[in-house]
Amino acid sequence: LNMPLAMSIVWEVAKHPKKSKTLAQLLLKFDKI
């Protein structure tokens, strides 16, 4: 349950320069955790 590492990946997706519905869906999937 390494949440600090998991959150660093969440932020990588959140800050990705390309604004994409695919990344929005990925963040929604991560939100299951």
PDB file of all heavy atoms in Angstrom:
ATOM      1  N   LEU A   1       0.825  -1.212   0.000  1.00  0.00           N
ATOM      2  CA  LEU A   1       0.000   0.000   0.000  1.00  0.00           C
ATOM      3  C   LEU A   1       0.861   1.265   0.000  1.00  0.00           C
ATOM      4  O   LEU A   1       0.679   2.170   0.824  1.00  0.00           O
ATOM      5  CB  LEU A   1      -0.941   0.023   1.220  1.00  0.00           C
ATOM      6  CG  LEU A   1      -1.670  -1.277   1.583  1.00  0.00           C
ATOM      7  CD1 LEU A   1      -2.530  -1.075   2.819  1.00  0.00           C
ATOM      8  CD2 LEU A   1      -2.510  -1.782   0.425  1.00  0.00           C
ATOM      9  N   ASN A   2       1.799   1.332  -0.930  1.00  0.00           N
ATOM     10  CA  ASN A   2       2.736   2.461  -0.975  1.00  0.00           C
ATOM     11  C   ASN A   2       2.057   3.697  -1.568  1.00  0.00           C
ATOM     12  O   ASN A   2       2.225   4.034  -2.744  1.00  0.00           O
ATOM     13  CB  ASN A   2       3.970   2.087  -1.802  1.00  0.00           C
ATOM     14  CG  ASN A   2       5.080   3.117  -1.678  1.00  0.00           C
ATOM     15  OD1 ASN A   2       4.859   4.256  -1.292  1.00  0.00           O
ATOM     16  ND2 ASN A   2       6.293   2.702  -2.002  1.00  0.00           N
ATOM     17  N   MET A   3       1.292   4.394  -0.732  1.00  0.00           N
ATOM     18  CA  MET A   3       0.520   5.535  -1.205  1.00  0.00           C
ATOM     19  C   MET A   3       1.366   6.763  -1.561  1.00  0.00           C
ATOM     20  O   MET A   3       1.023   7.489  -2.503  1.00  0.00           O
ATOM     21  CB  MET A   3      -0.558   5.898  -0.182  1.00  0.00           C
ATOM     22  CG  MET A   3      -1.695   4.883  -0.110  1.00  0.00           C
ATOM     23  SD  MET A   3      -2.465   4.553  -1.721  1.00  0.00           S
ATOM     24  CE  MET A   3      -3.235   6.122  -2.056  1.00  0.00           C
ATOM     25  N   PRO A   4       2.467   7.044  -0.854  1.00  0.00           N
ATOM     26  CA  PRO A   4       3.287   8.182  -1.296  1.00  0.00           C
ATOM     27  C   PRO A   4       3.790   8.017  -2.736  1.00  0.00           C
ATOM     28  O   PRO A   4       3.748   8.968  -3.525  1.00  0.00           O
ATOM     29  CB  PRO A   4       4.451   8.189  -0.296  1.00  0.00           C
ATOM     30  CG  PRO A   4       3.873   7.583   0.939  1.00  0.00           C
ATOM     31  CD  PRO A   4       2.945   6.513   0.439  1.00  0.00           C
ATOM     32  N   LEU A   5       4.222   6.798  -3.095  1.00  0.00           N
ATOM     33  CA  LEU A   5       4.680   6.544  -4.466  1.00  0.00           C
ATOM     34  C   LEU A   5       3.498   6.603  -5.433  1.00  0.00           C
ATOM     35  O   LEU A   5       3.603   7.173  -6.523  1.00  0.00           O
ATOM     36  CB  LEU A   5       5.376   5.189  -4.550  1.00  0.00           C
ATOM     37  CG  LEU A   5       5.913   4.786  -5.931  1.00  0.00           C
ATOM     38  CD1 LEU A   5       6.874   5.836  -6.464  1.00  0.00           C
ATOM     39  CD2 LEU A   5       6.582   3.409  -5.866  1.00  0.00           C
ATOM     40  N   ALA A   6       2.374   6.015  -5.033  1.00  0.00           N
ATOM     41  CA  ALA A   6       1.179   6.038  -5.887  1.00  0.00           C
ATOM     42  C   ALA A   6       0.739   7.477  -6.165  1.00  0.00           C
ATOM     43  O   ALA A   6       0.374   7.819  -7.291  1.00  0.00           O
ATOM     44  CB  ALA A   6       0.041   5.253  -5.225  1.00  0.00           C
ATOM     45  N   MET A   7       0.802   8.336  -5.138  1.00  0.00           N
ATOM     46  CA  MET A   7       0.399   9.732  -5.314  1.00  0.00           C
ATOM     47  C   MET A   7       1.348  10.477  -6.256  1.00  0.00           C
ATOM     48  O   MET A   7       0.912  11.371  -6.999  1.00  0.00           O
ATOM     49  CB  MET A   7       0.339  10.452  -3.965  1.00  0.00           C
ATOM     50  CG  MET A   7      -0.878  10.089  -3.121  1.00  0.00           C
ATOM     51  SD  MET A   7      -2.470  10.348  -3.954  1.00  0.00           S
ATOM     52  CE  MET A   7      -2.436  12.120  -4.209  1.00  0.00           C
ATOM     53  N   SER A   8       2.627  10.121  -6.254  1.00  0.00           N
ATOM     54  CA  SER A   8       3.561  10.774  -7.172  1.00  0.00           C
ATOM     55  C   SER A   8       3.189  10.470  -8.620  1.00  0.00           C
ATOM     56  O   SER A   8       3.340  11.321  -9.510  1.00  0.00           O
ATOM     57  CB  SER A   8       5.002  10.332  -6.876  1.00  0.00           C
ATOM     58  OG  SER A   8       5.234   8.987  -7.281  1.00  0.00           O
ATOM     59  N   ILE A   9       2.665   9.268  -8.853  1.00  0.00           N
ATOM     60  CA  ILE A   9       2.228   8.888 -10.204  1.00  0.00           C
ATOM     61  C   ILE A   9       0.927   9.608 -10.560  1.00  0.00           C
ATOM     62  O   ILE A   9       0.733  10.056 -11.692  1.00  0.00           O
ATOM     63  CB  ILE A   9       2.088   7.355 -10.298  1.00  0.00           C
ATOM     64  CG1 ILE A   9       3.452   6.695 -10.101  1.00  0.00           C
ATOM     65  CG2 ILE A   9       1.496   6.928 -11.641  1.00  0.00           C
ATOM     66  CD1 ILE A   9       3.425   5.329  -9.503  1.00  0.00           C
ATOM     67  N   VAL A  10       0.036   9.731  -9.586  1.00  0.00           N
ATOM     68  CA  VAL A  10      -1.205  10.485  -9.797  1.00  0.00           C
ATOM     69  C   VAL A  10      -0.873  11.917 -10.227  1.00  0.00           C
ATOM     70  O   VAL A  10      -1.473  12.452 -11.177  1.00  0.00           O
ATOM     71  CB  VAL A  10      -2.057  10.495  -8.506  1.00  0.00           C
ATOM     72  CG1 VAL A  10      -3.231  11.478  -8.643  1.00  0.00           C
ATOM     73  CG2 VAL A  10      -2.584   9.100  -8.193  1.00  0.00           C
ATOM     74  N   TRP A  11       0.093  12.532  -9.572  1.00  0.00           N
ATOM     75  CA  TRP A  11       0.471  13.908  -9.910  1.00  0.00           C
ATOM     76  C   TRP A  11       1.133  13.996 -11.286  1.00  0.00           C
ATOM     77  O   TRP A  11       0.963  14.994 -11.996  1.00  0.00           O
ATOM     78  CB  TRP A  11       1.383  14.493  -8.832  1.00  0.00           C
ATOM     79  CG  TRP A  11       0.618  14.955  -7.629  1.00  0.00           C
ATOM     80  CD1 TRP A  11       0.626  14.417  -6.385  1.00  0.00           C
ATOM     81  CD2 TRP A  11      -0.304  16.046  -7.575  1.00  0.00           C
ATOM     82  NE1 TRP A  11      -0.224  15.081  -5.560  1.00  0.00           N
ATOM     83  CE2 TRP A  11      -0.806  16.095  -6.251  1.00  0.00           C
ATOM     84  CE3 TRP A  11      -0.756  16.976  -8.502  1.00  0.00           C
ATOM     85  CZ2 TRP A  11      -1.736  17.052  -5.845  1.00  0.00           C
ATOM     86  CZ3 TRP A  11      -1.680  17.927  -8.100  1.00  0.00           C
ATOM     87  CH2 TRP A  11      -2.163  17.964  -6.787  1.00  0.00           C
ATOM     88  N   GLU A  12       1.895  12.966 -11.669  1.00  0.00           N
ATOM     89  CA  GLU A  12       2.478  12.947 -13.020  1.00  0.00           C
ATOM     90  C   GLU A  12       1.368  13.014 -14.075  1.00  0.00           C
ATOM     91  O   GLU A  12       1.465  13.741 -15.061  1.00  0.00           O
ATOM     92  CB  GLU A  12       3.306  11.677 -13.227  1.00  0.00           C
ATOM     93  CG  GLU A  12       4.703  11.714 -12.626  1.00  0.00           C
ATOM     94  CD  GLU A  12       5.495  10.464 -13.000  1.00  0.00           C
ATOM     95  OE1 GLU A  12       5.462  10.068 -14.187  1.00  0.00           O
ATOM     96  OE2 GLU A  12       6.124   9.885 -12.093  1.00  0.00           O
ATOM     97  N   VAL A  13       0.317  12.226 -13.840  1.00  0.00           N
ATOM     98  CA  VAL A  13      -0.816  12.221 -14.778  1.00  0.00           C
ATOM     99  C   VAL A  13      -1.534  13.566 -14.742  1.00  0.00           C
ATOM    100  O   VAL A  13      -1.869  14.144 -15.782  1.00  0.00           O
ATOM    101  CB  VAL A  13      -1.791  11.073 -14.437  1.00  0.00           C
ATOM    102  CG1 VAL A  13      -3.019  11.122 -15.349  1.00  0.00           C
ATOM    103  CG2 VAL A  13      -1.100   9.722 -14.549  1.00  0.00           C
ATOM    104  N   ALA A  14      -1.766  14.071 -13.529  1.00  0.00           N
ATOM    105  CA  ALA A  14      -2.496  15.341 -13.376  1.00  0.00           C
ATOM    106  C   ALA A  14      -1.774  16.490 -14.085  1.00  0.00           C
ATOM    107  O   ALA A  14      -2.412  17.359 -14.694  1.00  0.00           O
ATOM    108  CB  ALA A  14      -2.671  15.662 -11.893  1.00  0.00           C
ATOM    109  N   LYS A  15      -0.440  16.484 -14.024  1.00  0.00           N
ATOM    110  CA  LYS A  15       0.347  17.597 -14.578  1.00  0.00           C
ATOM    111  C   LYS A  15       0.801  17.363 -16.025  1.00  0.00           C
ATOM    112  O   LYS A  15       1.546  18.175 -16.572  1.00  0.00           O
ATOM    113  CB  LYS A  15       1.571  17.827 -13.689  1.00  0.00           C
ATOM    114  CG  LYS A  15       1.229  18.333 -12.296  1.00  0.00           C
ATOM    115  CD  LYS A  15       2.469  18.458 -11.423  1.00  0.00           C
ATOM    116  CE  LYS A  15       2.123  18.970 -10.036  1.00  0.00           C
ATOM    117  NZ  LYS A  15       3.334  19.064  -9.167  1.00  0.00           N
ATOM    118  N   HIS A  16       0.359  16.263 -16.617  1.00  0.00           N
ATOM    119  CA  HIS A  16       0.782  15.967 -17.992  1.00  0.00           C
ATOM    120  C   HIS A  16       0.412  17.147 -18.908  1.00  0.00           C
ATOM    121  O   HIS A  16      -0.712  17.664 -18.849  1.00  0.00           O
ATOM    122  CB  HIS A  16       0.103  14.689 -18.490  1.00  0.00           C
ATOM    123  CG  HIS A  16       0.751  14.115 -19.708  1.00  0.00           C
ATOM    124  ND1 HIS A  16       0.529  14.625 -20.971  1.00  0.00           N
ATOM    125  CD2 HIS A  16       1.625  13.086 -19.868  1.00  0.00           C
ATOM    126  CE1 HIS A  16       1.227  13.925 -21.847  1.00  0.00           C
ATOM    127  NE2 HIS A  16       1.905  12.990 -21.204  1.00  0.00           N
ATOM    128  N   PRO A  17       1.357  17.590 -19.731  1.00  0.00           N
ATOM    129  CA  PRO A  17       1.106  18.780 -20.558  1.00  0.00           C
ATOM    130  C   PRO A  17      -0.038  18.628 -21.553  1.00  0.00           C
ATOM    131  O   PRO A  17      -0.708  19.605 -21.887  1.00  0.00           O
ATOM    132  CB  PRO A  17       2.445  19.005 -21.277  1.00  0.00           C
ATOM    133  CG  PRO A  17       3.170  17.699 -21.183  1.00  0.00           C
ATOM    134  CD  PRO A  17       2.726  17.083 -19.901  1.00  0.00           C
ATOM    135  N   LYS A  18      -0.252  17.411 -22.050  1.00  0.00           N
ATOM    136  CA  LYS A  18      -1.366  17.191 -22.972  1.00  0.00           C
ATOM    137  C   LYS A  18      -2.653  16.989 -22.169  1.00  0.00           C
ATOM    138  O   LYS A  18      -2.697  16.174 -21.242  1.00  0.00           O
ATOM    139  CB  LYS A  18      -1.112  15.965 -23.855  1.00  0.00           C
ATOM    140  CG  LYS A  18      -0.026  16.175 -24.898  1.00  0.00           C
ATOM    141  CD  LYS A  18       0.088  14.963 -25.807  1.00  0.00           C
ATOM    142  CE  LYS A  18       1.137  15.182 -26.886  1.00  0.00           C
ATOM    143  NZ  LYS A  18       1.272  13.996 -27.771  1.00  0.00           N
ATOM    144  N   LYS A  19      -3.681  17.744 -22.522  1.00  0.00           N
ATOM    145  CA  LYS A  19      -4.961  17.642 -21.822  1.00  0.00           C
ATOM    146  C   LYS A  19      -5.849  16.680 -22.602  1.00  0.00           C
ATOM    147  O   LYS A  19      -6.279  16.968 -23.710  1.00  0.00           O
ATOM    148  CB  LYS A  19      -5.625  19.010 -21.694  1.00  0.00           C
ATOM    149  CG  LYS A  19      -4.731  20.038 -20.990  1.00  0.00           C
ATOM    150  CD  LYS A  19      -4.201  19.522 -19.665  1.00  0.00           C
ATOM    151  CE  LYS A  19      -3.079  20.367 -19.115  1.00  0.00           C
ATOM    152  NZ  LYS A  19      -2.383  19.704 -17.997  1.00  0.00           N
ATOM    153  N   SER A  20      -6.107  15.513 -21.978  1.00  0.00           N
ATOM    154  CA  SER A  20      -6.731  14.412 -22.703  1.00  0.00           C
ATOM    155  C   SER A  20      -7.798  13.729 -21.867  1.00  0.00           C
ATOM    156  O   SER A  20      -7.611  13.476 -20.664  1.00  0.00           O
ATOM    157  CB  SER A  20      -5.646  13.396 -23.083  1.00  0.00           C
ATOM    158  OG  SER A  20      -6.192  12.167 -23.432  1.00  0.00           O
ATOM    159  N   LYS A  21      -8.921  13.393 -22.519  1.00  0.00           N
ATOM    160  CA  LYS A  21      -9.972  12.633 -21.840  1.00  0.00           C
ATOM    161  C   LYS A  21      -9.458  11.273 -21.378  1.00  0.00           C
ATOM    162  O   LYS A  21      -9.936  10.720 -20.378  1.00  0.00           O
ATOM    163  CB  LYS A  21     -11.170  12.455 -22.775  1.00  0.00           C
ATOM    164  CG  LYS A  21     -12.103  13.660 -22.816  1.00  0.00           C
ATOM    165  CD  LYS A  21     -13.342  13.360 -23.630  1.00  0.00           C
ATOM    166  CE  LYS A  21     -14.431  14.406 -23.416  1.00  0.00           C
ATOM    167  NZ  LYS A  21     -13.989  15.772 -23.622  1.00  0.00           N
ATOM    168  N   THR A  22      -8.505  10.728 -22.094  1.00  0.00           N
ATOM    169  CA  THR A  22      -7.916   9.438 -21.712  1.00  0.00           C
ATOM    170  C   THR A  22      -7.254   9.551 -20.341  1.00  0.00           C
ATOM    171  O   THR A  22      -7.392   8.650 -19.500  1.00  0.00           O
ATOM    172  CB  THR A  22      -6.871   8.987 -22.752  1.00  0.00           C
ATOM    173  OG1 THR A  22      -7.486   8.949 -24.035  1.00  0.00           O
ATOM    174  CG2 THR A  22      -6.324   7.610 -22.410  1.00  0.00           C
ATOM    175  N   LEU A  23      -6.543  10.653 -20.102  1.00  0.00           N
ATOM    176  CA  LEU A  23      -5.896  10.859 -18.801  1.00  0.00           C
ATOM    177  C   LEU A  23      -6.930  11.158 -17.719  1.00  0.00           C
ATOM    178  O   LEU A  23      -6.752  10.782 -16.555  1.00  0.00           O
ATOM    179  CB  LEU A  23      -4.871  11.983 -18.895  1.00  0.00           C
ATOM    180  CG  LEU A  23      -3.649  11.693 -19.779  1.00  0.00           C
ATOM    181  CD1 LEU A  23      -2.698  12.874 -19.784  1.00  0.00           C
ATOM    182  CD2 LEU A  23      -2.929  10.422 -19.338  1.00  0.00           C
ATOM    183  N   ALA A  24      -8.025  11.820 -18.091  1.00  0.00           N
ATOM    184  CA  ALA A  24      -9.117  12.046 -17.130  1.00  0.00           C
ATOM    185  C   ALA A  24      -9.701  10.710 -16.676  1.00  0.00           C
ATOM    186  O   ALA A  24      -9.955  10.496 -15.484  1.00  0.00           O
ATOM    187  CB  ALA A  24     -10.203  12.918 -17.759  1.00  0.00           C
ATOM    188  N   GLN A  25      -9.887   9.795 -17.632  1.00  0.00           N
ATOM    189  CA  GLN A  25     -10.413   8.465 -17.303  1.00  0.00           C
ATOM    190  C   GLN A  25      -9.424   7.687 -16.438  1.00  0.00           C
ATOM    191  O   GLN A  25      -9.823   6.919 -15.565  1.00  0.00           O
ATOM    192  CB  GLN A  25     -10.721   7.690 -18.585  1.00  0.00           C
ATOM    193  CG  GLN A  25     -11.940   8.195 -19.341  1.00  0.00           C
ATOM    194  CD  GLN A  25     -13.193   8.204 -18.475  1.00  0.00           C
ATOM    195  OE1 GLN A  25     -13.570   7.196 -17.886  1.00  0.00           O
ATOM    196  NE2 GLN A  25     -13.837   9.366 -18.381  1.00  0.00           N
ATOM    197  N   LEU A  26      -8.126   7.907 -16.678  1.00  0.00           N
ATOM    198  CA  LEU A  26      -7.105   7.245 -15.863  1.00  0.00           C
ATOM    199  C   LEU A  26      -7.143   7.763 -14.429  1.00  0.00           C
ATOM    200  O   LEU A  26      -7.068   6.983 -13.471  1.00  0.00           O
ATOM    201  CB  LEU A  26      -5.718   7.462 -16.477  1.00  0.00           C
ATOM    202  CG  LEU A  26      -4.560   6.720 -15.795  1.00  0.00           C
ATOM    203  CD1 LEU A  26      -4.792   5.211 -15.807  1.00  0.00           C
ATOM    204  CD2 LEU A  26      -3.238   7.055 -16.492  1.00  0.00           C
ATOM    205  N   LEU A  27      -7.280   9.075 -14.265  1.00  0.00           N
ATOM    206  CA  LEU A  27      -7.405   9.645 -12.913  1.00  0.00           C
ATOM    207  C   LEU A  27      -8.657   9.124 -12.219  1.00  0.00           C
ATOM    208  O   LEU A  27      -8.653   8.862 -11.012  1.00  0.00           O
ATOM    209  CB  LEU A  27      -7.446  11.178 -12.993  1.00  0.00           C
ATOM    210  CG  LEU A  27      -6.124  11.870 -13.313  1.00  0.00           C
ATOM    211  CD1 LEU A  27      -6.350  13.364 -13.531  1.00  0.00           C
ATOM    212  CD2 LEU A  27      -5.091  11.652 -12.214  1.00  0.00           C
ATOM    213  N   LEU A  28      -9.736   8.958 -12.982  1.00  0.00           N
ATOM    214  CA  LEU A  28     -10.973   8.416 -12.430  1.00  0.00           C
ATOM    215  C   LEU A  28     -10.757   6.969 -11.968  1.00  0.00           C
ATOM    216  O   LEU A  28     -11.283   6.548 -10.929  1.00  0.00           O
ATOM    217  CB  LEU A  28     -12.073   8.476 -13.492  1.00  0.00           C
ATOM    218  CG  LEU A  28     -13.525   8.503 -13.012  1.00  0.00           C
ATOM    219  CD1 LEU A  28     -13.774   9.648 -12.049  1.00  0.00           C
ATOM    220  CD2 LEU A  28     -14.467   8.592 -14.196  1.00  0.00           C
ATOM    221  N   LYS A  29      -9.961   6.226 -12.735  1.00  0.00           N
ATOM    222  CA  LYS A  29      -9.641   4.853 -12.352  1.00  0.00           C
ATOM    223  C   LYS A  29      -8.792   4.834 -11.080  1.00  0.00           C
ATOM    224  O   LYS A  29      -9.033   4.037 -10.167  1.00  0.00           O
ATOM    225  CB  LYS A  29      -8.895   4.149 -13.491  1.00  0.00           C
ATOM    226  CG  LYS A  29      -8.597   2.681 -13.198  1.00  0.00           C
ATOM    227  CD  LYS A  29      -7.949   1.989 -14.394  1.00  0.00           C
ATOM    228  CE  LYS A  29      -7.697   0.511 -14.070  1.00  0.00           C
ATOM    229  NZ  LYS A  29      -7.061  -0.202 -15.204  1.00  0.00           N
ATOM    230  N   PHE A  30      -7.800   5.731 -11.003  1.00  0.00           N
ATOM    231  CA  PHE A  30      -6.959   5.823  -9.800  1.00  0.00           C
ATOM    232  C   PHE A  30      -7.792   6.200  -8.578  1.00  0.00           C
ATOM    233  O   PHE A  30      -7.469   5.832  -7.450  1.00  0.00           O
ATOM    234  CB  PHE A  30      -5.844   6.849 -10.009  1.00  0.00           C
ATOM    235  CG  PHE A  30      -4.772   6.435 -10.990  1.00  0.00           C
ATOM    236  CD1 PHE A  30      -3.823   7.356 -11.426  1.00  0.00           C
ATOM    237  CD2 PHE A  30      -4.695   5.129 -11.473  1.00  0.00           C
ATOM    238  CE1 PHE A  30      -2.829   6.987 -12.331  1.00  0.00           C
ATOM    239  CE2 PHE A  30      -3.706   4.747 -12.374  1.00  0.00           C
ATOM    240  CZ  PHE A  30      -2.770   5.688 -12.800  1.00  0.00           C
ATOM    241  N   ASP A  31      -8.882   6.948  -8.826  1.00  0.00           N
ATOM    242  CA  ASP A  31      -9.734   7.376  -7.711  1.00  0.00           C
ATOM    243  C   ASP A  31     -10.466   6.206  -7.055  1.00  0.00           C
ATOM    244  O   ASP A  31     -11.013   6.343  -5.966  1.00  0.00           O
ATOM    245  CB  ASP A  31     -10.734   8.434  -8.177  1.00  0.00           C
ATOM    246  CG  ASP A  31     -11.379   9.182  -7.025  1.00  0.00           C
ATOM    247  OD1 ASP A  31     -10.666   9.504  -6.053  1.00  0.00           O
ATOM    248  OD2 ASP A  31     -12.598   9.430  -7.069  1.00  0.00           O
ATOM    249  N   LYS A  32     -10.482   5.056  -7.722  1.00  0.00           N
ATOM    250  CA  LYS A  32     -11.023   3.855  -7.073  1.00  0.00           C
ATOM    251  C   LYS A  32     -10.191   3.503  -5.841  1.00  0.00           C
ATOM    252  O   LYS A  32     -10.696   2.876  -4.906  1.00  0.00           O
ATOM    253  CB  LYS A  32     -11.030   2.679  -8.051  1.00  0.00           C
ATOM    254  CG  LYS A  32     -12.050   2.808  -9.172  1.00  0.00           C
ATOM    255  CD  LYS A  32     -11.980   1.625 -10.119  1.00  0.00           C
ATOM    256  CE  LYS A  32     -12.987   1.753 -11.255  1.00  0.00           C
ATOM    257  NZ  LYS A  32     -12.881   0.627 -12.212  1.00  0.00           N
ATOM    258  N   ILE A  33      -8.925   3.905  -5.847  1.00  0.00           N
ATOM    259  CA  ILE A  33      -8.047   3.713  -4.691  1.00  0.00           C
ATOM    260  C   ILE A  33      -8.101   4.934  -3.769  1.00  0.00           C
ATOM    261  O   ILE A  33      -8.245   4.802  -2.555  1.00  0.00           O
ATOM    262  CB  ILE A  33      -6.590   3.478  -5.138  1.00  0.00           C
ATOM    263  CG1 ILE A  33      -6.481   2.199  -5.977  1.00  0.00           C
ATOM    264  CG2 ILE A  33      -5.659   3.396  -3.920  1.00  0.00           C
ATOM    265  CD1 ILE A  33      -6.822   0.918  -5.243  1.00  0.00           C
TER     266      ILE A  33
END
